[in-house]
């Protein structure tokens, strides 16, 4: 693989990673918003005593916990994607520097 094709593949890889950032960000925001809504409804229902039995209340809390776990997973994915972008950029700079040094020597 020559240097030009490496730069093109790195550019494509960075664009994909930046697209993933938006996907993870939107998904995390939606799931955290759903969590806040579910928790607010739960608190209102508990204060009013509207839950018909303990099973429904436990199911509601389990579903709320599942939503917050999914939101946290998307947030972790977002952080890992940021780390991958930084790593790819650092690697690209290092290879570019090495290629420039080789061109100067020869």
N, C-alpha and C. Protein backbone atom coordinates (compact mmCIF):
# COMPACT_ATOMS: atom_id res chain seq x y z
N UNK A 1 0.85 -1.17 0.00
CA UNK A 1 0.00 0.00 0.00
C UNK A 1 0.90 1.23 0.00
N UNK A 2 0.66 2.10 -0.94
CA UNK A 2 1.45 3.32 -0.99
C UNK A 2 0.84 4.38 -0.06
N UNK A 3 1.56 5.46 0.05
CA UNK A 3 1.20 6.50 1.01
C UNK A 3 -0.14 7.16 0.66
N UNK A 4 -0.37 7.41 -0.61
CA UNK A 4 -1.60 8.09 -1.03
C UNK A 4 -2.84 7.23 -0.73
N UNK A 5 -2.75 5.95 -1.02
CA UNK A 5 -3.90 5.08 -0.74
C UNK A 5 -4.13 4.93 0.77
N UNK A 6 -3.03 4.98 1.54
CA UNK A 6 -3.17 4.94 3.00
C UNK A 6 -3.92 6.17 3.50
N UNK A 7 -3.56 7.35 2.98
CA UNK A 7 -4.23 8.58 3.40
C UNK A 7 -5.71 8.55 3.03
N UNK A 8 -6.03 8.02 1.85
CA UNK A 8 -7.43 7.94 1.44
C UNK A 8 -8.21 6.99 2.33
N UNK A 9 -7.61 5.85 2.65
CA UNK A 9 -8.32 4.89 3.51
C UNK A 9 -8.49 5.44 4.92
N UNK A 10 -7.50 6.18 5.40
CA UNK A 10 -7.62 6.79 6.73
C UNK A 10 -8.71 7.86 6.74
N UNK A 11 -8.81 8.63 5.68
CA UNK A 11 -9.84 9.65 5.59
C UNK A 11 -11.23 9.02 5.59
N UNK A 12 -11.38 7.93 4.85
CA UNK A 12 -12.67 7.23 4.81
C UNK A 12 -12.99 6.66 6.18
N UNK A 13 -11.98 6.11 6.84
CA UNK A 13 -12.17 5.53 8.17
C UNK A 13 -12.60 6.61 9.18
N UNK A 14 -11.98 7.77 9.11
CA UNK A 14 -12.34 8.87 10.02
C UNK A 14 -13.76 9.37 9.76
N UNK A 15 -14.16 9.43 8.49
CA UNK A 15 -15.53 9.85 8.18
C UNK A 15 -16.55 8.87 8.75
N UNK A 16 -16.25 7.57 8.64
CA UNK A 16 -17.15 6.56 9.21
C UNK A 16 -17.24 6.70 10.72
N UNK A 17 -16.10 6.91 11.36
CA UNK A 17 -16.09 7.05 12.81
C UNK A 17 -16.87 8.28 13.25
N UNK A 18 -16.76 9.37 12.51
CA UNK A 18 -17.51 10.58 12.85
C UNK A 18 -19.01 10.37 12.67
N UNK A 19 -19.38 9.55 11.68
CA UNK A 19 -20.79 9.22 11.51
C UNK A 19 -21.28 8.39 12.70
N UNK A 20 -20.46 7.47 13.17
CA UNK A 20 -20.82 6.65 14.33
C UNK A 20 -20.99 7.51 15.58
N UNK A 21 -20.20 8.56 15.70
CA UNK A 21 -20.34 9.45 16.85
C UNK A 21 -21.75 10.03 16.90
N UNK A 22 -22.23 10.49 15.76
CA UNK A 22 -23.58 11.07 15.74
C UNK A 22 -24.63 10.03 16.07
N UNK A 23 -24.47 8.82 15.56
CA UNK A 23 -25.43 7.75 15.85
C UNK A 23 -25.45 7.45 17.34
N UNK A 24 -24.26 7.28 17.93
CA UNK A 24 -24.18 6.99 19.37
C UNK A 24 -24.74 8.14 20.20
N UNK A 25 -24.45 9.36 19.79
CA UNK A 25 -24.92 10.53 20.53
C UNK A 25 -26.45 10.63 20.52
N UNK A 26 -27.03 10.45 19.35
CA UNK A 26 -28.49 10.53 19.23
C UNK A 26 -29.16 9.39 20.00
N UNK A 27 -28.61 8.18 19.87
CA UNK A 27 -29.20 7.04 20.58
C UNK A 27 -29.09 7.22 22.09
N UNK A 28 -27.94 7.67 22.57
CA UNK A 28 -27.78 7.88 24.01
C UNK A 28 -28.75 8.96 24.51
N UNK A 29 -28.89 10.04 23.76
CA UNK A 29 -29.82 11.11 24.15
C UNK A 29 -31.26 10.60 24.20
N UNK A 30 -31.65 9.83 23.19
CA UNK A 30 -33.02 9.31 23.17
C UNK A 30 -33.28 8.36 24.34
N UNK A 31 -32.33 7.48 24.62
CA UNK A 31 -32.53 6.53 25.71
C UNK A 31 -32.51 7.22 27.07
N UNK A 32 -31.64 8.22 27.25
CA UNK A 32 -31.65 8.96 28.52
C UNK A 32 -32.93 9.77 28.68
N UNK A 33 -33.45 10.30 27.59
CA UNK A 33 -34.73 11.02 27.65
C UNK A 33 -35.86 10.06 28.01
N UNK A 34 -35.85 8.88 27.40
CA UNK A 34 -36.87 7.87 27.73
C UNK A 34 -36.76 7.46 29.19
N UNK A 35 -35.53 7.33 29.68
CA UNK A 35 -35.33 6.98 31.09
C UNK A 35 -35.92 8.04 32.00
N UNK A 36 -35.65 9.30 31.68
CA UNK A 36 -36.18 10.39 32.51
C UNK A 36 -37.71 10.39 32.50
N UNK A 37 -38.30 10.16 31.33
CA UNK A 37 -39.75 10.11 31.24
C UNK A 37 -40.34 8.95 32.01
N UNK A 38 -39.75 7.77 31.86
CA UNK A 38 -40.24 6.59 32.58
C UNK A 38 -40.12 6.76 34.09
N UNK A 39 -39.02 7.34 34.51
CA UNK A 39 -38.82 7.55 35.94
C UNK A 39 -39.80 8.58 36.49
N UNK A 40 -40.07 9.63 35.72
CA UNK A 40 -41.03 10.64 36.16
C UNK A 40 -42.43 10.05 36.28
N UNK A 41 -42.82 9.24 35.30
CA UNK A 41 -44.14 8.60 35.36
C UNK A 41 -44.21 7.64 36.54
N UNK A 42 -43.12 6.92 36.79
CA UNK A 42 -43.09 5.99 37.92
C UNK A 42 -43.28 6.74 39.25
N UNK A 43 -42.57 7.83 39.40
CA UNK A 43 -42.68 8.61 40.64
C UNK A 43 -44.10 9.14 40.82
N UNK A 44 -44.71 9.63 39.74
CA UNK A 44 -46.09 10.12 39.83
C UNK A 44 -47.06 9.00 40.20
N UNK A 45 -46.89 7.84 39.59
CA UNK A 45 -47.79 6.72 39.87
C UNK A 45 -47.62 6.20 41.29
N UNK A 46 -46.40 6.20 41.80
CA UNK A 46 -46.18 5.74 43.17
C UNK A 46 -46.83 6.70 44.16
N UNK A 47 -46.71 7.99 43.90
CA UNK A 47 -47.31 8.98 44.80
C UNK A 47 -48.84 8.87 44.81
N UNK A 48 -49.41 8.56 43.64
CA UNK A 48 -50.86 8.45 43.55
C UNK A 48 -51.36 7.05 43.93
N UNK A 49 -50.46 6.09 43.97
CA UNK A 49 -50.85 4.71 44.29
C UNK A 49 -51.60 4.04 43.15
N UNK A 50 -51.23 4.35 41.91
CA UNK A 50 -51.95 3.83 40.74
C UNK A 50 -51.50 2.45 40.27
N UNK A 51 -50.43 1.92 40.81
CA UNK A 51 -49.99 0.60 40.36
C UNK A 51 -50.95 -0.46 40.91
N UNK A 52 -51.49 -1.33 40.02
CA UNK A 52 -52.47 -2.30 40.49
C UNK A 52 -51.88 -3.38 41.40
N UNK A 53 -50.63 -3.77 41.13
CA UNK A 53 -49.99 -4.77 42.00
C UNK A 53 -48.47 -4.59 41.94
N UNK A 54 -47.78 -5.38 42.74
CA UNK A 54 -46.32 -5.25 42.81
C UNK A 54 -45.63 -5.73 41.54
N UNK A 55 -46.26 -6.67 40.82
CA UNK A 55 -45.65 -7.18 39.60
C UNK A 55 -45.52 -6.08 38.55
N UNK A 56 -46.55 -5.28 38.40
CA UNK A 56 -46.52 -4.19 37.42
C UNK A 56 -45.46 -3.16 37.81
N UNK A 57 -45.37 -2.87 39.09
CA UNK A 57 -44.37 -1.92 39.56
C UNK A 57 -42.95 -2.44 39.32
N UNK A 58 -42.72 -3.71 39.61
CA UNK A 58 -41.40 -4.30 39.39
C UNK A 58 -41.06 -4.36 37.91
N UNK A 59 -42.05 -4.66 37.08
CA UNK A 59 -41.83 -4.70 35.63
C UNK A 59 -41.48 -3.31 35.12
N UNK A 60 -42.18 -2.30 35.62
CA UNK A 60 -41.91 -0.91 35.22
C UNK A 60 -40.47 -0.52 35.57
N UNK A 61 -40.06 -0.86 36.78
CA UNK A 61 -38.69 -0.53 37.20
C UNK A 61 -37.65 -1.32 36.40
N UNK A 62 -37.94 -2.57 36.08
CA UNK A 62 -37.01 -3.37 35.28
C UNK A 62 -36.84 -2.78 33.89
N UNK A 63 -37.95 -2.37 33.28
CA UNK A 63 -37.87 -1.77 31.96
C UNK A 63 -37.11 -0.44 32.01
N UNK A 64 -37.33 0.33 33.05
CA UNK A 64 -36.61 1.59 33.22
C UNK A 64 -35.11 1.33 33.37
N UNK A 65 -34.77 0.30 34.13
CA UNK A 65 -33.36 -0.06 34.29
C UNK A 65 -32.74 -0.51 32.97
N UNK A 66 -33.49 -1.26 32.18
CA UNK A 66 -33.01 -1.69 30.86
C UNK A 66 -32.73 -0.49 29.97
N UNK A 67 -33.62 0.49 29.99
CA UNK A 67 -33.44 1.69 29.16
C UNK A 67 -32.19 2.45 29.57
N UNK A 68 -31.97 2.62 30.87
CA UNK A 68 -30.79 3.36 31.32
C UNK A 68 -29.51 2.57 31.02
N UNK A 69 -29.57 1.25 31.06
CA UNK A 69 -28.39 0.45 30.70
C UNK A 69 -28.06 0.59 29.22
N UNK A 70 -29.08 0.60 28.36
CA UNK A 70 -28.84 0.81 26.93
C UNK A 70 -28.27 2.20 26.67
N UNK A 71 -28.78 3.20 27.36
CA UNK A 71 -28.26 4.56 27.20
C UNK A 71 -26.80 4.62 27.62
N UNK A 72 -26.46 3.96 28.71
CA UNK A 72 -25.08 3.95 29.18
C UNK A 72 -24.18 3.21 28.19
N UNK A 73 -24.69 2.13 27.60
CA UNK A 73 -23.90 1.40 26.59
C UNK A 73 -23.61 2.29 25.38
N UNK A 74 -24.60 3.05 24.94
CA UNK A 74 -24.37 3.96 23.82
C UNK A 74 -23.39 5.08 24.20
N UNK A 75 -23.45 5.53 25.43
CA UNK A 75 -22.51 6.56 25.89
C UNK A 75 -21.08 6.01 25.92
N UNK A 76 -20.92 4.78 26.36
CA UNK A 76 -19.60 4.15 26.35
C UNK A 76 -19.11 3.97 24.92
N UNK A 77 -20.01 3.58 24.02
CA UNK A 77 -19.65 3.48 22.61
C UNK A 77 -19.20 4.81 22.04
N UNK A 78 -19.86 5.88 22.45
CA UNK A 78 -19.47 7.22 22.02
C UNK A 78 -18.06 7.57 22.49
N UNK A 79 -17.77 7.27 23.74
CA UNK A 79 -16.44 7.56 24.29
C UNK A 79 -15.38 6.73 23.59
N UNK A 80 -15.66 5.45 23.35
CA UNK A 80 -14.69 4.60 22.65
C UNK A 80 -14.45 5.06 21.22
N UNK A 81 -15.49 5.59 20.58
CA UNK A 81 -15.32 6.10 19.22
C UNK A 81 -14.44 7.35 19.22
N UNK A 82 -14.61 8.23 20.21
CA UNK A 82 -13.73 9.39 20.34
C UNK A 82 -12.28 8.95 20.51
N UNK A 83 -12.06 7.95 21.35
CA UNK A 83 -10.70 7.44 21.57
C UNK A 83 -10.13 6.87 20.28
N UNK A 84 -10.94 6.14 19.53
CA UNK A 84 -10.47 5.55 18.27
C UNK A 84 -10.12 6.64 17.25
N UNK A 85 -10.89 7.71 17.21
CA UNK A 85 -10.58 8.81 16.29
C UNK A 85 -9.25 9.45 16.66
N UNK A 86 -9.05 9.72 17.95
CA UNK A 86 -7.78 10.33 18.39
C UNK A 86 -6.61 9.41 18.05
N UNK A 87 -6.79 8.11 18.28
CA UNK A 87 -5.73 7.15 17.99
C UNK A 87 -5.42 7.12 16.49
N UNK A 88 -6.44 7.13 15.67
CA UNK A 88 -6.24 7.10 14.22
C UNK A 88 -5.56 8.37 13.74
N UNK A 89 -5.94 9.52 14.28
CA UNK A 89 -5.31 10.77 13.89
C UNK A 89 -3.84 10.80 14.31
N UNK A 90 -3.55 10.31 15.51
CA UNK A 90 -2.18 10.28 15.99
C UNK A 90 -1.33 9.34 15.12
N UNK A 91 -1.90 8.19 14.78
CA UNK A 91 -1.20 7.23 13.93
C UNK A 91 -0.95 7.81 12.54
N UNK A 92 -1.92 8.51 12.00
CA UNK A 92 -1.78 9.12 10.69
C UNK A 92 -0.70 10.20 10.69
N UNK A 93 -0.65 11.02 11.75
CA UNK A 93 0.40 12.04 11.85
C UNK A 93 1.78 11.40 11.94
N UNK A 94 1.88 10.32 12.71
CA UNK A 94 3.16 9.64 12.86
C UNK A 94 3.64 9.07 11.53
N UNK A 95 2.75 8.43 10.80
CA UNK A 95 3.13 7.86 9.50
C UNK A 95 3.47 8.95 8.51
N UNK A 96 2.72 10.05 8.53
CA UNK A 96 3.03 11.17 7.64
C UNK A 96 4.40 11.74 7.94
N UNK A 97 4.72 11.89 9.21
CA UNK A 97 6.04 12.39 9.61
C UNK A 97 7.14 11.45 9.15
N UNK A 98 6.93 10.17 9.34
CA UNK A 98 7.94 9.19 8.92
C UNK A 98 8.12 9.18 7.41
N UNK A 99 7.03 9.30 6.67
CA UNK A 99 7.13 9.33 5.21
C UNK A 99 7.86 10.59 4.75
N UNK A 100 7.60 11.71 5.39
CA UNK A 100 8.30 12.95 5.02
C UNK A 100 9.79 12.85 5.32
N UNK A 101 10.15 12.22 6.44
CA UNK A 101 11.56 12.03 6.76
C UNK A 101 12.24 11.12 5.74
N UNK A 102 11.54 10.09 5.31
CA UNK A 102 12.11 9.19 4.31
C UNK A 102 12.30 9.90 2.97
N UNK A 103 11.37 10.77 2.60
CA UNK A 103 11.48 11.50 1.34
C UNK A 103 12.64 12.49 1.38
N UNK A 104 12.89 13.07 2.54
CA UNK A 104 14.00 14.02 2.68
C UNK A 104 15.32 13.28 2.56
N UNK A 105 15.42 12.09 3.15
CA UNK A 105 16.67 11.33 3.12
C UNK A 105 16.99 10.83 1.72
N UNK A 106 15.98 10.47 0.97
CA UNK A 106 16.23 9.89 -0.35
C UNK A 106 15.76 10.82 -1.38
